[in-house]
Amino acid sequence: MSERRQKAISNLFDSIDVNEDDQITIMDLKTKFADQLKPTKRRSSQNIDDALRHFLNKFNTPGQHDGIIDRAEFFGSCSMLSATIKEDIYFEHVLRSLFDFRL
């Protein structure tokens, strides 16, 4: 993987890891995307938590669905994605789109 992609992944991880503990949790996502994740009449707080937990589990090591993504898990998932995308600029666009939580 190119250095540009590694830097994009690292920057994205750091921007989501709000409390800087080298892990991404539901609380990090809720803090980072607070304005976009407010409960509404159609979307309860519990539904938001369930959706975020499901999202986080997509990045977890298989069989380890703890709702916490460490840097290695994040890089592993993004590396698999990177292998399917030819251009660096498009890869960066996909990463940004993936973490756009406007519901």
N, C-alpha and C. Protein backbone atom coordinates (compact mmCIF):
# COMPACT_ATOMS: atom_id res chain seq x y z
N MET A 1 0.85 -1.17 0.00
CA MET A 1 0.00 0.00 0.00
C MET A 1 0.90 1.23 0.00
N SER A 2 0.50 2.23 -0.76
CA SER A 2 1.31 3.44 -0.88
C SER A 2 1.35 4.21 0.44
N GLU A 3 2.39 5.01 0.56
CA GLU A 3 2.54 5.85 1.76
C GLU A 3 1.37 6.84 1.87
N ARG A 4 0.91 7.32 0.74
CA ARG A 4 -0.22 8.26 0.73
C ARG A 4 -1.46 7.62 1.34
N ARG A 5 -1.73 6.37 0.98
CA ARG A 5 -2.89 5.66 1.53
C ARG A 5 -2.70 5.38 3.02
N GLN A 6 -1.51 4.98 3.41
CA GLN A 6 -1.26 4.73 4.83
C GLN A 6 -1.48 6.00 5.65
N LYS A 7 -1.02 7.11 5.11
CA LYS A 7 -1.21 8.39 5.81
C LYS A 7 -2.69 8.75 5.89
N ALA A 8 -3.44 8.52 4.81
CA ALA A 8 -4.88 8.82 4.81
C ALA A 8 -5.60 7.97 5.86
N ILE A 9 -5.25 6.69 5.95
CA ILE A 9 -5.87 5.81 6.94
C ILE A 9 -5.52 6.27 8.35
N SER A 10 -4.26 6.57 8.57
CA SER A 10 -3.82 7.01 9.89
C SER A 10 -4.50 8.32 10.29
N ASN A 11 -4.57 9.26 9.37
CA ASN A 11 -5.23 10.54 9.66
C ASN A 11 -6.71 10.35 9.97
N LEU A 12 -7.37 9.47 9.22
CA LEU A 12 -8.78 9.20 9.47
C LEU A 12 -8.96 8.57 10.84
N PHE A 13 -8.15 7.57 11.16
CA PHE A 13 -8.24 6.92 12.47
C PHE A 13 -8.06 7.97 13.58
N ASP A 14 -7.02 8.78 13.47
CA ASP A 14 -6.75 9.80 14.49
C ASP A 14 -7.89 10.80 14.63
N SER A 15 -8.54 11.13 13.52
CA SER A 15 -9.63 12.11 13.59
C SER A 15 -10.87 11.52 14.26
N ILE A 16 -11.05 10.21 14.17
CA ILE A 16 -12.21 9.57 14.80
C ILE A 16 -11.93 9.20 16.25
N ASP A 17 -10.68 8.89 16.57
CA ASP A 17 -10.29 8.51 17.94
C ASP A 17 -10.24 9.78 18.80
N VAL A 18 -11.41 10.25 19.17
CA VAL A 18 -11.55 11.54 19.84
C VAL A 18 -10.78 11.61 21.16
N ASN A 19 -10.82 10.55 21.95
CA ASN A 19 -10.15 10.59 23.26
C ASN A 19 -8.69 10.14 23.18
N GLU A 20 -8.20 9.87 21.99
CA GLU A 20 -6.79 9.56 21.73
C GLU A 20 -6.26 8.38 22.54
N ASP A 21 -7.09 7.33 22.68
CA ASP A 21 -6.64 6.13 23.39
C ASP A 21 -6.24 5.01 22.44
N ASP A 22 -6.10 5.33 21.16
CA ASP A 22 -5.72 4.38 20.12
C ASP A 22 -6.77 3.30 19.89
N GLN A 23 -8.02 3.64 20.17
CA GLN A 23 -9.15 2.76 19.92
C GLN A 23 -10.33 3.61 19.45
N ILE A 24 -11.14 3.04 18.58
CA ILE A 24 -12.38 3.70 18.17
C ILE A 24 -13.53 2.93 18.81
N THR A 25 -14.37 3.66 19.55
CA THR A 25 -15.51 3.07 20.24
C THR A 25 -16.79 3.81 19.83
N ILE A 26 -17.90 3.31 20.30
CA ILE A 26 -19.18 3.99 20.05
C ILE A 26 -19.12 5.42 20.56
N MET A 27 -18.51 5.63 21.72
CA MET A 27 -18.43 6.98 22.27
C MET A 27 -17.61 7.91 21.37
N ASP A 28 -16.53 7.40 20.79
CA ASP A 28 -15.76 8.21 19.85
C ASP A 28 -16.63 8.63 18.66
N LEU A 29 -17.36 7.67 18.11
CA LEU A 29 -18.23 7.97 16.96
C LEU A 29 -19.32 8.95 17.34
N LYS A 30 -19.92 8.76 18.51
CA LYS A 30 -20.99 9.68 18.95
C LYS A 30 -20.45 11.09 19.16
N THR A 31 -19.24 11.19 19.70
CA THR A 31 -18.64 12.51 19.92
C THR A 31 -18.27 13.16 18.59
N LYS A 32 -17.63 12.41 17.73
CA LYS A 32 -17.17 12.95 16.44
C LYS A 32 -18.34 13.37 15.55
N PHE A 33 -19.40 12.56 15.55
CA PHE A 33 -20.52 12.79 14.64
C PHE A 33 -21.79 13.18 15.39
N ALA A 34 -21.65 13.89 16.51
CA ALA A 34 -22.79 14.21 17.38
C ALA A 34 -23.94 14.89 16.65
N ASP A 35 -23.63 15.87 15.82
CA ASP A 35 -24.69 16.60 15.13
C ASP A 35 -25.48 15.71 14.17
N GLN A 36 -24.82 14.73 13.60
CA GLN A 36 -25.47 13.86 12.63
C GLN A 36 -26.20 12.69 13.28
N LEU A 37 -25.91 12.42 14.55
CA LEU A 37 -26.46 11.23 15.20
C LEU A 37 -27.47 11.54 16.30
N LYS A 38 -28.09 12.70 16.23
CA LYS A 38 -29.09 13.05 17.23
C LYS A 38 -30.35 12.19 17.05
N PRO A 39 -30.91 11.70 18.15
CA PRO A 39 -32.17 10.95 18.04
C PRO A 39 -33.28 11.83 17.47
N THR A 40 -34.16 11.21 16.74
CA THR A 40 -35.33 11.90 16.18
C THR A 40 -36.55 11.03 16.44
N LYS A 41 -37.69 11.47 15.96
CA LYS A 41 -38.90 10.66 16.12
C LYS A 41 -38.75 9.30 15.46
N ARG A 42 -38.05 9.26 14.35
CA ARG A 42 -37.90 8.01 13.59
C ARG A 42 -36.66 7.22 14.00
N ARG A 43 -35.75 7.84 14.76
CA ARG A 43 -34.47 7.21 15.07
C ARG A 43 -34.18 7.39 16.56
N SER A 44 -34.36 6.32 17.33
CA SER A 44 -34.15 6.40 18.77
C SER A 44 -32.66 6.29 19.10
N SER A 45 -32.32 6.66 20.32
CA SER A 45 -30.95 6.54 20.80
C SER A 45 -30.48 5.09 20.75
N GLN A 46 -31.36 4.16 21.09
CA GLN A 46 -31.01 2.74 21.06
C GLN A 46 -30.74 2.27 19.63
N ASN A 47 -31.54 2.72 18.69
CA ASN A 47 -31.31 2.35 17.29
C ASN A 47 -29.97 2.88 16.78
N ILE A 48 -29.61 4.07 17.20
CA ILE A 48 -28.32 4.64 16.82
C ILE A 48 -27.19 3.80 17.39
N ASP A 49 -27.28 3.44 18.67
CA ASP A 49 -26.25 2.61 19.30
C ASP A 49 -26.12 1.27 18.59
N ASP A 50 -27.24 0.65 18.26
CA ASP A 50 -27.22 -0.64 17.56
C ASP A 50 -26.55 -0.50 16.19
N ALA A 51 -26.88 0.55 15.47
CA ALA A 51 -26.29 0.77 14.14
C ALA A 51 -24.79 1.01 14.24
N LEU A 52 -24.36 1.79 15.23
CA LEU A 52 -22.94 2.05 15.42
C LEU A 52 -22.20 0.78 15.82
N ARG A 53 -22.79 -0.01 16.69
CA ARG A 53 -22.18 -1.28 17.11
C ARG A 53 -22.01 -2.20 15.91
N HIS A 54 -23.05 -2.28 15.09
CA HIS A 54 -22.98 -3.10 13.88
C HIS A 54 -21.87 -2.60 12.95
N PHE A 55 -21.78 -1.29 12.79
CA PHE A 55 -20.75 -0.69 11.95
C PHE A 55 -19.36 -1.03 12.49
N LEU A 56 -19.16 -0.86 13.80
CA LEU A 56 -17.85 -1.16 14.39
C LEU A 56 -17.48 -2.62 14.22
N ASN A 57 -18.45 -3.50 14.35
CA ASN A 57 -18.17 -4.93 14.24
C ASN A 57 -17.69 -5.32 12.84
N LYS A 58 -17.99 -4.52 11.84
CA LYS A 58 -17.49 -4.79 10.49
C LYS A 58 -15.97 -4.66 10.43
N PHE A 59 -15.39 -3.89 11.33
CA PHE A 59 -13.94 -3.68 11.35
C PHE A 59 -13.23 -4.63 12.31
N ASN A 60 -13.98 -5.25 13.22
CA ASN A 60 -13.37 -6.13 14.21
C ASN A 60 -12.75 -7.37 13.58
N THR A 61 -11.76 -7.90 14.27
CA THR A 61 -11.18 -9.18 13.90
C THR A 61 -12.30 -10.22 13.95
N PRO A 62 -12.41 -11.10 12.95
CA PRO A 62 -13.47 -12.11 12.97
C PRO A 62 -13.52 -12.87 14.30
N GLY A 63 -14.73 -12.99 14.83
CA GLY A 63 -14.92 -13.68 16.10
C GLY A 63 -14.68 -12.82 17.33
N GLN A 64 -14.26 -11.59 17.13
CA GLN A 64 -13.96 -10.69 18.25
C GLN A 64 -14.81 -9.43 18.11
N HIS A 65 -16.08 -9.56 18.34
CA HIS A 65 -17.00 -8.43 18.18
C HIS A 65 -17.16 -7.72 19.51
N ASP A 66 -16.14 -6.94 19.87
CA ASP A 66 -16.13 -6.25 21.15
C ASP A 66 -16.55 -4.79 21.06
N GLY A 67 -16.87 -4.32 19.86
CA GLY A 67 -17.29 -2.93 19.70
C GLY A 67 -16.15 -1.94 19.83
N ILE A 68 -14.93 -2.43 19.76
CA ILE A 68 -13.74 -1.58 19.85
C ILE A 68 -12.86 -1.89 18.65
N ILE A 69 -12.45 -0.86 17.95
CA ILE A 69 -11.54 -1.03 16.82
C ILE A 69 -10.19 -0.45 17.21
N ASP A 70 -9.17 -1.29 17.22
CA ASP A 70 -7.83 -0.74 17.46
C ASP A 70 -7.20 -0.36 16.12
N ARG A 71 -6.06 0.27 16.18
CA ARG A 71 -5.42 0.77 14.97
C ARG A 71 -5.12 -0.37 13.98
N ALA A 72 -4.66 -1.51 14.49
CA ALA A 72 -4.33 -2.64 13.61
C ALA A 72 -5.57 -3.17 12.88
N GLU A 73 -6.69 -3.28 13.60
CA GLU A 73 -7.93 -3.74 12.96
C GLU A 73 -8.38 -2.74 11.89
N PHE A 74 -8.29 -1.46 12.21
CA PHE A 74 -8.70 -0.42 11.27
C PHE A 74 -7.83 -0.48 10.01
N PHE A 75 -6.51 -0.58 10.21
CA PHE A 75 -5.61 -0.66 9.07
C PHE A 75 -5.86 -1.93 8.26
N GLY A 76 -6.14 -3.04 8.93
CA GLY A 76 -6.41 -4.29 8.23
C GLY A 76 -7.62 -4.18 7.33
N SER A 77 -8.70 -3.63 7.85
CA SER A 77 -9.92 -3.47 7.05
C SER A 77 -9.69 -2.50 5.89
N CYS A 78 -9.01 -1.40 6.17
CA CYS A 78 -8.76 -0.42 5.12
C CYS A 78 -7.78 -0.96 4.08
N SER A 79 -6.87 -1.84 4.49
CA SER A 79 -5.94 -2.45 3.54
C SER A 79 -6.68 -3.34 2.55
N MET A 80 -7.66 -4.09 3.06
CA MET A 80 -8.46 -4.93 2.16
C MET A 80 -9.22 -4.05 1.16
N LEU A 81 -9.76 -2.95 1.64
CA LEU A 81 -10.45 -2.01 0.76
C LEU A 81 -9.48 -1.42 -0.25
N SER A 82 -8.29 -1.07 0.21
CA SER A 82 -7.28 -0.47 -0.65
C SER A 82 -6.92 -1.38 -1.82
N ALA A 83 -6.90 -2.67 -1.57
CA ALA A 83 -6.53 -3.62 -2.62
C ALA A 83 -7.52 -3.64 -3.78
N THR A 84 -8.72 -3.13 -3.55
CA THR A 84 -9.75 -3.15 -4.59
C THR A 84 -9.85 -1.84 -5.36
N ILE A 85 -9.06 -0.84 -4.97
CA ILE A 85 -9.16 0.49 -5.57
C ILE A 85 -7.81 0.89 -6.16
N LYS A 86 -7.81 1.22 -7.43
CA LYS A 86 -6.56 1.49 -8.14
C LYS A 86 -5.94 2.85 -7.81
N GLU A 87 -6.73 3.89 -7.85
CA GLU A 87 -6.21 5.26 -7.70
C GLU A 87 -6.23 5.73 -6.25
N ASP A 88 -5.14 6.36 -5.81
CA ASP A 88 -5.05 6.87 -4.44
C ASP A 88 -6.14 7.89 -4.14
N ILE A 89 -6.39 8.79 -5.08
CA ILE A 89 -7.37 9.84 -4.84
C ILE A 89 -8.77 9.26 -4.65
N TYR A 90 -9.09 8.22 -5.41
CA TYR A 90 -10.40 7.59 -5.27
C TYR A 90 -10.48 6.84 -3.95
N PHE A 91 -9.39 6.21 -3.54
CA PHE A 91 -9.35 5.52 -2.24
C PHE A 91 -9.64 6.52 -1.11
N GLU A 92 -9.02 7.68 -1.17
CA GLU A 92 -9.27 8.71 -0.15
C GLU A 92 -10.73 9.14 -0.16
N HIS A 93 -11.30 9.28 -1.34
CA HIS A 93 -12.71 9.65 -1.47
C HIS A 93 -13.61 8.58 -0.83
N VAL A 94 -13.31 7.32 -1.08
CA VAL A 94 -14.09 6.22 -0.50
C VAL A 94 -14.00 6.25 1.02
N LEU A 95 -12.82 6.47 1.57
CA LEU A 95 -12.68 6.55 3.03
C LEU A 95 -13.54 7.67 3.60
N ARG A 96 -13.50 8.84 2.97
CA ARG A 96 -14.31 9.96 3.45
C ARG A 96 -15.80 9.61 3.37
N SER A 97 -16.20 8.99 2.29
CA SER A 97 -17.61 8.62 2.12
C SER A 97 -18.05 7.57 3.13
N LEU A 98 -17.17 6.64 3.42
CA LEU A 98 -17.48 5.57 4.37
C LEU A 98 -17.79 6.13 5.75
N PHE A 99 -17.11 7.20 6.12
CA PHE A 99 -17.30 7.77 7.45
C PHE A 99 -18.14 9.03 7.44
N ASP A 100 -19.06 9.13 6.51
CA ASP A 100 -20.03 10.21 6.48
C ASP A 100 -21.33 9.65 7.05
N PHE A 101 -21.64 9.98 8.30
CA PHE A 101 -22.75 9.36 9.00
C PHE A 101 -24.07 10.10 8.85
N ARG A 102 -24.21 10.94 7.86
CA ARG A 102 -25.50 11.60 7.67
C ARG A 102 -26.54 10.54 7.36
N LEU A 103 -27.54 10.43 8.21
CA LEU A 103 -28.56 9.39 8.05
C LEU A 103 -29.86 9.99 7.54
